[in-house]
Amino acid sequence: MNNKPAFSELFFSKTKDFLDVFLKRQEQRSPETVKAYRISLTSFYLYATVEKGLKVMQFCFTDCTYEFVLSYSQYLQETKKLANSSVNQRLAALKAYLRYVSDGNIELLQVYMGVQKVPLLKLAKLQRPILKKDVLKSLLDKPSDTLKGNRDRVLLIFLFDAALRASELLGITLGDLSLDISSPTIMIHGKGRVERSISLNERTAEHLREYIRHYHHTDSSPDMPLFYTMIHGRINHMSARNLERIVKKYADMIREDHPDLPDSVFPHMLRRARASGLYRDGVPLEMISTILGHSSSETTKIYAIPSVEQMREALEKGQVEVQNQEKLWKGRENDIRRLFGLN
């Protein structure tokens, strides 16, 4: 009697389709996202085959039970010592894969529902550092008045002013720019190939015009990257690594004057600073969401961090003037301590 399962029953029989067809072509996820899913599913593969000693050609969807995935989560935490956020990423990828296969085979819906119940781990809500206005000014002013320094200054100003993702900035071509009109704009190719048009202020537009005069020919192709590197005589889009080096370079140069600067300064912090600044200046969250290219304003809420001044103003609005505060609280020392959470 042959107990060998059919290929379609094997747990990893659909991973290639999921990664290379569904995510990459149908969902049009970014290469970084597809890579993250691939790493996560590879992690589960190694757990099943190496840690648990199961044969890949016998490990079926029905073997992926709630208990099995729960033990996988514990393994990631206790043996691999992964952070809670990393464990959640591994579990989320596994659940997304099972949702994909169950959409194509309703018989696997029970498997997906069982794994879906495996809890994600709690994450500490950490407030990410935001570059202050004086730090931003120092950073944008730091590049020298050389040809390369001016390029770096334009890059930093543009990255901040348009609140761009690093990938969006590096993907811009000359054809995406409309600078010689009354209201200069730029076409941004965002996540999932969703395009949006952003209006540029005249100062940034003039910086870009001057940069283009020095770094591009008048007959340059519209497909030519706005920011580029020359390798072996060939023009290429500037790499994300190179952009990170530029931002880090100038952050390190101003660190002595700004000792509270975070240890790691990277391109996305300029986008975060711009978005938070817009919120603090009273720009509606929905408008900020559109500028950033978010599909939902819920995503934008991570940047909605009020300033100390805003919080003070909000608290002052709720205050009631009370005369003779000392008399009001006299003899109520215990109540005062409790008010402040003391014993």
Protein backbone atom coordinates (compact mmCIF):
# COMPACT_ATOMS: atom_id res chain seq x y z
CA MET A 1 0.00 0.00 0.00
CA ASN A 2 1.43 3.39 -1.06
CA ASN A 3 0.99 6.07 1.63
CA LYS A 4 2.89 8.69 -0.31
CA PRO A 5 0.78 11.89 -0.33
CA ALA A 6 -0.08 13.70 -3.55
CA PHE A 7 2.14 16.66 -4.34
CA SER A 8 -0.76 19.09 -3.93
CA GLU A 9 -1.19 17.89 -0.33
CA LEU A 10 2.39 18.81 0.60
CA PHE A 11 2.69 21.92 2.72
CA PHE A 12 5.41 23.54 0.62
CA SER A 13 3.86 22.66 -2.75
CA LYS A 14 2.49 26.20 -3.20
CA THR A 15 5.27 28.33 -1.74
CA LYS A 16 6.92 29.06 -5.09
CA ASP A 17 3.60 30.15 -6.62
CA PHE A 18 2.84 32.24 -3.54
CA LEU A 19 6.19 34.04 -3.58
CA ASP A 20 6.98 34.38 -7.28
CA VAL A 21 3.53 34.65 -8.83
CA PHE A 22 0.99 35.80 -6.26
CA LEU A 23 3.09 38.27 -4.24
CA LYS A 24 5.41 39.43 -6.98
CA ARG A 25 3.13 39.61 -10.03
CA GLN A 26 -0.46 39.68 -8.81
CA GLU A 27 -0.08 41.63 -5.57
CA GLN A 28 2.91 43.55 -7.01
CA ARG A 29 4.65 43.59 -3.67
CA SER A 30 8.08 45.18 -3.49
CA PRO A 31 11.21 42.99 -3.78
CA GLU A 32 11.95 43.72 -0.11
CA THR A 33 8.51 42.45 0.93
CA VAL A 34 8.82 39.29 -1.15
CA LYS A 35 12.27 38.71 0.33
CA ALA A 36 10.88 39.03 3.87
CA TYR A 37 8.16 36.46 3.13
CA ARG A 38 10.72 34.11 1.61
CA ILE A 39 12.93 34.33 4.69
CA SER A 40 9.96 33.66 6.96
CA LEU A 41 8.75 30.60 5.04
CA THR A 42 12.31 29.28 4.83
CA SER A 43 12.49 29.58 8.61
CA PHE A 44 9.38 27.42 8.95
CA TYR A 45 10.79 24.93 6.43
CA LEU A 46 13.98 24.55 8.50
CA TYR A 47 11.97 24.14 11.69
CA ALA A 48 9.86 21.35 10.23
CA THR A 49 12.68 19.49 8.46
CA VAL A 50 15.72 20.11 10.64
CA GLU A 51 14.43 20.86 14.13
CA LYS A 52 11.49 18.41 14.03
CA GLY A 53 13.14 15.95 11.63
CA LEU A 54 10.14 15.67 9.28
CA LYS A 55 10.51 14.67 5.64
CA VAL A 56 9.54 17.55 3.36
CA MET A 57 7.89 15.18 0.88
CA GLN A 58 5.63 13.85 3.63
CA PHE A 59 4.85 17.04 5.56
CA CYS A 60 1.33 17.98 4.51
CA PHE A 61 -0.99 20.93 5.09
CA THR A 62 -2.95 18.84 7.57
CA ASP A 63 0.23 18.40 9.64
CA CYS A 64 0.36 22.17 10.15
CA THR A 65 -1.88 22.26 13.20
CA TYR A 66 -2.47 24.92 15.83
CA GLU A 67 -0.24 23.00 18.25
CA PHE A 68 2.55 22.63 15.67
CA VAL A 69 2.66 26.34 14.87
CA LEU A 70 2.38 27.26 18.55
CA SER A 71 5.46 25.12 19.24
CA TYR A 72 7.16 26.87 16.29
CA SER A 73 6.44 30.23 17.91
CA GLN A 74 7.91 29.05 21.21
CA TYR A 75 10.97 27.73 19.35
CA LEU A 76 11.55 31.13 17.75
CA GLN A 77 11.30 32.84 21.12
CA GLU A 78 13.18 30.43 23.37
CA THR A 79 15.73 28.76 21.10
CA LYS A 80 16.32 31.31 18.33
CA LYS A 81 15.92 34.22 20.78
CA LEU A 82 14.12 36.34 18.20
CA ALA A 83 12.51 39.63 19.16
CA ASN A 84 8.73 39.62 19.45
CA SER A 85 8.44 41.69 16.28
CA SER A 86 10.50 39.13 14.34
CA VAL A 87 8.41 36.24 15.67
CA ASN A 88 5.24 38.07 14.61
CA GLN A 89 6.69 38.61 11.15
CA ARG A 90 7.37 34.87 10.77
CA LEU A 91 3.86 33.99 11.95
CA ALA A 92 2.21 36.61 9.76
CA ALA A 93 3.95 35.25 6.66
CA LEU A 94 2.86 31.71 7.52
CA LYS A 95 -0.75 32.82 8.01
CA ALA A 96 -0.71 34.79 4.76
CA TYR A 97 0.54 31.73 2.88
CA LEU A 98 -2.17 29.52 4.35
CA ARG A 99 -4.81 32.13 3.53
CA TYR A 100 -3.57 32.06 -0.06
CA VAL A 101 -3.74 28.26 -0.38
CA SER A 102 -7.11 28.05 1.37
CA ASP A 103 -8.54 30.59 -1.09
CA GLY A 104 -7.70 28.12 -3.83
CA ASN A 105 -8.77 25.00 -1.92
CA ILE A 106 -11.67 25.33 0.51
CA GLU A 107 -10.75 21.99 2.08
CA LEU A 108 -7.72 23.72 3.62
CA LEU A 109 -9.80 26.45 5.24
CA GLN A 110 -9.86 24.54 8.52
CA VAL A 111 -6.06 24.38 8.52
CA TYR A 112 -5.85 28.13 7.95
CA MET A 113 -8.43 28.89 10.65
CA GLY A 114 -6.55 26.73 13.15
CA VAL A 115 -3.21 28.46 12.51
CA GLN A 116 -4.94 31.85 12.50
CA LYS A 117 -5.71 31.34 16.20
CA VAL A 118 -2.01 31.17 17.12
CA PRO A 119 -1.53 34.46 19.01
CA LEU A 120 0.88 37.14 17.99
CA LEU A 121 3.20 38.45 20.67
CA LYS A 122 2.70 41.76 22.40
CA LEU A 123 4.95 44.56 21.26
CA ALA A 124 6.14 47.47 23.33
CA LYS A 125 4.93 50.74 21.86
CA LEU A 126 8.15 52.65 21.41
CA GLN A 127 8.11 56.22 20.18
CA ARG A 128 10.54 56.42 17.31
CA PRO A 129 13.00 59.31 17.43
CA ILE A 130 12.10 62.40 15.41
CA LEU A 131 14.72 64.83 14.18
CA LYS A 132 14.18 68.27 15.67
CA LYS A 133 14.04 71.44 13.60
CA ASP A 134 17.50 72.66 14.62
CA VAL A 135 18.97 69.23 13.81
CA LEU A 136 17.28 69.22 10.40
CA LYS A 137 18.60 72.68 9.62
CA SER A 138 22.15 71.66 10.55
CA LEU A 139 21.85 68.47 8.51
CA LEU A 140 20.58 70.24 5.37
CA ASP A 141 23.15 73.01 5.67
CA LYS A 142 26.15 70.74 6.27
CA PRO A 143 27.07 69.67 2.68
CA SER A 144 29.88 71.81 1.24
CA ASP A 145 29.53 74.15 -1.74
CA THR A 146 31.29 71.73 -4.06
CA LEU A 147 29.63 69.98 -6.99
CA LYS A 148 29.20 66.78 -4.99
CA GLY A 149 28.23 68.64 -1.84
CA ASN A 150 25.51 70.53 -3.70
CA ARG A 151 24.20 67.26 -5.05
CA ASP A 152 24.02 65.83 -1.54
CA ARG A 153 22.26 68.96 -0.27
CA VAL A 154 19.61 68.74 -3.00
CA LEU A 155 19.15 65.04 -2.27
CA LEU A 156 18.59 65.68 1.46
CA ILE A 157 16.29 68.66 0.88
CA PHE A 158 14.23 66.76 -1.68
CA LEU A 159 14.02 63.66 0.51
CA PHE A 160 12.74 65.75 3.41
CA ASP A 161 10.55 68.31 1.65
CA ALA A 162 8.59 65.76 -0.41
CA ALA A 163 8.48 63.26 2.51
CA LEU A 164 9.66 60.48 0.22
CA ARG A 165 10.51 56.89 0.91
CA ALA A 166 14.11 56.06 -0.02
CA SER A 167 12.95 53.73 -2.80
CA GLU A 168 10.66 56.44 -4.20
CA LEU A 169 13.45 59.00 -4.30
CA LEU A 170 15.87 56.63 -5.99
CA GLY A 171 13.28 55.56 -8.57
CA ILE A 172 12.62 59.09 -9.88
CA THR A 173 13.56 59.81 -13.49
CA LEU A 174 13.80 63.13 -15.31
CA GLY A 175 10.47 62.39 -16.98
CA ASP A 176 8.76 62.35 -13.59
CA LEU A 177 9.56 66.03 -13.00
CA SER A 178 7.46 68.99 -14.13
CA LEU A 179 9.52 71.95 -12.94
CA ASP A 180 8.89 74.55 -15.65
CA ILE A 181 5.26 75.22 -14.78
CA SER A 182 3.58 77.64 -12.39
CA SER A 183 3.08 74.91 -9.77
CA PRO A 184 6.03 72.46 -10.02
CA THR A 185 5.11 68.82 -9.42
CA ILE A 186 6.68 65.39 -9.40
CA MET A 187 5.20 61.99 -10.14
CA ILE A 188 6.06 59.45 -7.45
CA HIS A 189 5.93 55.70 -8.06
CA GLY A 190 5.02 54.35 -4.65
CA LYS A 191 4.46 50.95 -3.08
CA GLY A 192 2.49 48.46 -5.15
CA ARG A 193 3.11 50.65 -8.23
CA VAL A 194 0.60 53.19 -6.95
CA GLU A 195 1.42 56.58 -8.41
CA ARG A 196 0.81 59.97 -6.83
CA SER A 197 1.61 63.53 -7.85
CA ILE A 198 3.25 65.81 -5.29
CA SER A 199 3.45 69.58 -5.46
CA LEU A 200 6.88 71.09 -4.79
CA ASN A 201 7.54 74.43 -3.20
CA GLU A 202 9.47 76.92 -5.32
CA ARG A 203 12.60 76.70 -3.18
CA THR A 204 12.92 72.93 -3.67
CA ALA A 205 12.05 73.25 -7.36
CA GLU A 206 14.85 75.80 -7.85
CA HIS A 207 17.32 73.52 -6.06
CA LEU A 208 16.33 70.73 -8.47
CA ARG A 209 16.63 72.97 -11.55
CA GLU A 210 20.14 73.99 -10.50
CA TYR A 211 21.09 70.38 -9.79
CA ILE A 212 19.83 69.25 -13.20
CA ARG A 213 21.80 72.00 -14.95
CA HIS A 214 25.01 70.61 -13.47
CA TYR A 215 24.33 66.87 -13.52
CA HIS A 216 22.24 66.35 -16.65
CA HIS A 217 22.47 67.34 -20.31
CA THR A 218 19.70 69.27 -22.02
CA ASP A 219 19.08 66.28 -24.29
CA SER A 220 19.08 63.67 -21.49
CA SER A 221 16.49 60.92 -21.87
CA PRO A 222 13.32 61.20 -19.75
CA ASP A 223 14.13 57.68 -18.49
CA MET A 224 17.43 58.80 -17.00
CA PRO A 225 17.51 58.54 -13.19
CA LEU A 226 17.45 61.89 -11.40
CA PHE A 227 20.06 60.76 -8.84
CA TYR A 228 22.58 58.35 -10.25
CA THR A 229 26.02 56.84 -9.91
CA MET A 230 28.52 56.15 -12.67
CA ILE A 231 29.95 52.62 -12.65
CA HIS A 232 32.36 51.55 -15.40
CA GLY A 233 31.12 54.38 -17.57
CA ARG A 234 27.47 53.37 -17.19
CA ILE A 235 24.78 55.42 -15.45
CA ASN A 236 22.76 53.58 -12.81
CA HIS A 237 20.10 54.56 -10.29
CA MET A 238 21.78 55.44 -7.01
CA SER A 239 21.57 52.49 -4.62
CA ALA A 240 19.74 52.53 -1.29
CA ARG A 241 23.05 51.72 0.40
CA ASN A 242 24.65 54.80 -1.12
CA LEU A 243 21.77 57.00 0.03
CA GLU A 244 22.09 55.59 3.54
CA ARG A 245 25.81 56.41 3.53
CA ILE A 246 25.13 60.01 2.50
CA VAL A 247 22.58 60.57 5.28
CA LYS A 248 24.83 58.92 7.86
CA LYS A 249 27.85 60.93 6.69
CA TYR A 250 26.27 64.31 7.39
CA ALA A 251 24.57 63.13 10.57
CA ASP A 252 27.97 62.10 11.93
CA MET A 253 29.41 65.48 10.91
CA ILE A 254 26.86 67.40 13.03
CA ARG A 255 26.79 64.95 15.93
CA GLU A 256 29.24 66.96 18.05
CA ASP A 257 26.90 69.98 17.96
CA HIS A 258 23.84 67.80 18.57
CA PRO A 259 24.77 65.18 21.20
CA ASP A 260 21.14 64.04 21.51
CA LEU A 261 21.15 62.88 17.88
CA PRO A 262 20.13 59.18 17.65
CA ASP A 263 22.99 56.71 17.19
CA SER A 264 21.56 55.63 13.87
CA VAL A 265 20.24 58.23 11.40
CA PHE A 266 18.76 56.87 8.18
CA PRO A 267 16.75 58.23 5.22
CA HIS A 268 13.30 57.33 6.56
CA MET A 269 13.86 59.62 9.55
CA LEU A 270 13.62 62.63 7.22
CA ARG A 271 10.22 61.41 5.97
CA ARG A 272 9.12 60.86 9.56
CA ALA A 273 10.27 64.34 10.59
CA ARG A 274 8.42 65.94 7.68
CA ALA A 275 5.19 64.04 8.36
CA SER A 276 5.28 64.83 12.08
CA GLY A 277 6.05 68.48 11.32
CA LEU A 278 3.06 68.72 8.99
CA TYR A 279 0.82 67.26 11.69
CA ARG A 280 2.11 69.67 14.30
CA ASP A 281 1.53 72.57 11.89
CA GLY A 282 -2.15 71.64 11.73
CA VAL A 283 -2.29 69.81 8.38
CA PRO A 284 -5.22 67.33 8.46
CA LEU A 285 -4.21 63.69 8.87
CA GLU A 286 -6.04 62.73 5.65
CA MET A 287 -3.97 65.24 3.66
CA ILE A 288 -0.73 63.97 5.20
CA SER A 289 -1.81 60.44 4.31
CA THR A 290 -2.23 61.49 0.67
CA ILE A 291 1.16 63.20 0.61
CA LEU A 292 2.87 60.13 2.05
CA GLY A 293 1.10 57.74 -0.31
CA HIS A 294 -0.61 55.73 2.44
CA SER A 295 -3.66 53.72 1.41
CA SER A 296 -5.25 54.43 4.80
CA SER A 297 -4.97 57.31 7.25
CA GLU A 298 -4.71 54.67 9.99
CA THR A 299 -1.15 54.02 8.80
CA THR A 300 -0.37 57.73 9.03
CA LYS A 301 -1.30 57.88 12.71
CA ILE A 302 2.18 56.66 13.68
CA TYR A 303 3.43 60.11 12.66
CA ALA A 304 0.69 61.97 14.55
CA ILE A 305 2.83 62.83 17.55
CA PRO A 306 1.90 66.12 19.22
CA SER A 307 4.61 68.49 20.38
CA VAL A 308 5.09 69.39 24.03
CA GLU A 309 3.57 72.79 23.26
CA GLN A 310 0.47 71.20 21.70
CA MET A 311 -0.01 68.93 24.71
CA ARG A 312 0.37 71.88 27.07
CA GLU A 313 -2.19 73.91 25.12
CA ALA A 314 -4.63 70.98 25.13
CA LEU A 315 -4.31 70.57 28.88
CA GLU A 316 -4.70 74.30 29.49
CA LYS A 317 -7.96 74.29 27.56
CA GLY A 318 -9.44 71.93 30.12
CA GLN A 319 -8.28 73.82 33.18
CA VAL A 320 -10.66 75.66 35.52
CA GLU A 321 -9.35 78.63 37.44
CA VAL A 322 -9.45 77.86 41.17
CA GLN A 323 -8.83 80.47 43.82
CA ASN A 324 -6.67 79.78 46.86
CA GLN A 325 -5.19 76.39 45.86
CA GLU A 326 -3.49 75.94 49.25
CA LYS A 327 -6.80 76.21 51.09
CA LEU A 328 -8.47 73.80 48.67
CA TRP A 329 -5.97 70.98 49.39
CA LYS A 330 -5.27 71.67 53.04
CA GLY A 331 -5.69 68.53 55.12
CA ARG A 332 -5.92 66.30 52.07
CA GLU A 333 -2.29 65.24 51.81
CA ASN A 334 -3.27 61.58 51.36
CA ASP A 335 -5.50 62.51 48.43
CA ILE A 336 -2.66 64.48 46.88
CA ARG A 337 -0.31 61.51 47.06
CA ARG A 338 -2.91 59.22 45.52
CA LEU A 339 -3.47 61.76 42.76
CA PHE A 340 0.16 61.40 41.80
CA GLY A 341 0.14 57.61 42.16
CA LEU A 342 2.10 57.59 45.42
CA ASN A 343 1.49 55.67 48.62
